[in-house]
Protein backbone atom coordinates (compact mmCIF):
# COMPACT_ATOMS: atom_id res chain seq x y z
CA UNK A 1 3.80 29.65 12.33
CA UNK A 2 0.19 29.28 13.38
CA UNK A 3 1.16 29.46 17.04
CA UNK A 4 3.36 32.51 16.47
CA UNK A 5 0.54 34.25 14.61
CA UNK A 6 -2.11 33.62 17.26
CA UNK A 7 -4.20 31.21 15.18
CA UNK A 8 -4.70 28.98 18.18
CA UNK A 9 -7.78 27.10 17.01
CA UNK A 10 -5.91 26.04 13.88
CA UNK A 11 -2.96 24.93 16.00
CA UNK A 12 -5.35 22.80 18.04
CA UNK A 13 -6.95 21.28 14.94
CA UNK A 14 -3.69 20.47 13.18
CA UNK A 15 -2.22 19.06 16.38
CA UNK A 16 -5.18 16.70 16.58
CA UNK A 17 -4.66 15.73 12.96
CA UNK A 18 -0.95 15.01 13.49
CA UNK A 19 -1.68 12.77 16.48
CA UNK A 20 -4.55 11.11 14.59
CA UNK A 21 -2.36 10.25 11.61
CA UNK A 22 0.51 9.04 13.80
CA UNK A 23 -1.80 6.75 15.77
CA UNK A 24 -3.42 5.44 12.61
CA UNK A 25 -0.01 4.65 11.14
CA UNK A 26 0.57 2.34 14.10
CA UNK A 27 -2.43 0.24 13.07
CA UNK A 28 -0.41 -0.92 10.07
CA UNK A 29 2.63 -1.70 12.18
CA UNK A 30 1.05 -3.37 15.22
CA UNK A 31 -2.33 -4.63 14.03
CA UNK A 32 -1.54 -5.18 10.34
CA UNK A 33 -4.80 -3.58 9.28
CA UNK A 34 -6.27 -0.32 8.12
CA UNK A 35 -7.21 2.02 10.93
CA UNK A 36 -10.84 2.80 11.64
CA UNK A 37 -12.34 5.91 10.09
CA UNK A 38 -12.95 7.78 13.32
CA UNK A 39 -11.19 10.61 15.11
CA UNK A 40 -11.50 9.80 18.79
CA UNK A 41 -7.85 9.48 19.79
CA UNK A 42 -8.70 7.59 22.97
CA UNK A 43 -10.61 4.95 21.02
CA UNK A 44 -7.71 4.58 18.59
CA UNK A 45 -5.26 4.29 21.47
CA UNK A 46 -7.38 1.69 23.30
CA UNK A 47 -7.34 -0.52 20.22
CA UNK A 48 -3.58 -0.09 19.86
CA UNK A 49 -3.08 -0.75 23.55
CA UNK A 50 -4.61 -4.18 23.02
CA UNK A 51 -1.75 -4.82 20.59
CA UNK A 52 0.91 -3.79 23.10
CA UNK A 53 1.24 -0.05 22.52
CA UNK A 54 1.62 1.65 25.90
CA UNK A 55 1.57 5.41 26.52
CA UNK A 56 2.11 7.22 29.80
CA UNK A 57 -1.01 8.30 31.71
CA UNK A 58 -0.10 11.93 30.99
CA UNK A 59 0.00 11.28 27.25
CA UNK A 60 -3.32 9.42 27.39
CA UNK A 61 -4.78 12.44 29.18
CA UNK A 62 -3.41 14.60 26.38
CA UNK A 63 -5.16 12.40 23.82
CA UNK A 64 -8.44 13.13 25.63
CA UNK A 65 -7.79 16.86 25.36
CA UNK A 66 -6.86 16.68 21.68
CA UNK A 67 -9.98 14.63 20.94
CA UNK A 68 -12.09 17.51 22.28
CA UNK A 69 -10.29 19.85 19.92
CA UNK A 70 -11.28 17.93 16.77
CA UNK A 71 -14.68 19.60 16.40
CA UNK A 72 -14.45 22.57 18.75
CA UNK A 73 -11.47 24.02 16.91
CA UNK A 74 -13.46 24.25 13.68
CA UNK A 75 -17.18 24.49 14.27
CA UNK A 76 -18.88 27.36 16.13
CA UNK A 77 -21.84 25.18 17.08
CA UNK A 78 -19.50 22.62 18.68
CA UNK A 79 -17.41 25.30 20.38
CA UNK A 80 -20.25 27.43 21.68
CA UNK A 81 -18.86 30.43 19.83
CA UNK A 82 -16.27 31.36 17.21
CA UNK A 83 -13.35 28.90 17.59
CA UNK A 84 -10.91 31.70 16.82
CA UNK A 85 -11.94 33.40 20.07
CA UNK A 86 -12.07 30.37 22.33
CA UNK A 87 -8.58 28.87 22.20
CA UNK A 88 -5.66 30.24 24.18
CA UNK A 89 -1.96 30.20 23.49
CA UNK A 90 -1.50 27.86 26.44
CA UNK A 91 -4.02 25.35 25.04
CA UNK A 92 -2.45 25.54 21.59
CA UNK A 93 1.07 25.03 22.95
CA UNK A 94 -0.13 22.03 24.96
CA UNK A 95 -1.76 20.59 21.83
CA UNK A 96 1.53 20.89 19.95
CA UNK A 97 3.38 19.24 22.84
CA UNK A 98 1.03 16.25 22.91
CA UNK A 99 0.99 15.83 19.14
CA UNK A 100 4.78 16.04 18.96
CA UNK A 101 5.10 13.31 21.58
CA UNK A 102 2.71 10.99 19.73
CA UNK A 103 4.50 11.60 16.43
CA UNK A 104 7.86 10.98 18.11
CA UNK A 105 6.70 7.69 19.62
CA UNK A 106 5.25 6.55 16.29
CA UNK A 107 8.52 7.41 14.58
CA UNK A 108 10.47 5.46 17.17
CA UNK A 109 8.17 2.48 16.69
CA UNK A 110 9.16 2.46 13.03
CA UNK A 111 12.83 2.63 13.96
CA UNK A 112 13.15 6.33 13.26
CA UNK A 113 14.77 9.09 15.20
CA UNK A 114 13.20 12.05 16.94
CA UNK A 115 10.81 12.91 14.11
CA UNK A 116 9.22 11.46 10.99
């Protein structure tokens, strides 16, 4: 709905959050510990990678993009202007695509189907 209504910065933020929560869920499965309280998706992935989690280079690149969206999608001082004016439909759609792939892979790791 956010994407359809042009609220692209919110799409970017919630996409980051979905990927963040999916990655953090994998800490319980693969590392048997609570995830760290940080939001850099690349850092989370690197720690999971050490436990055998392997993403494609394209998905890792997407994690880098989503990490940038964590603050810039919400805070004008981080974005260099109003976040509502700085995100495009293309960026928002890409954010959804990356988040959906991370959520899908996390679901599969737990033995689930296409979604949680």
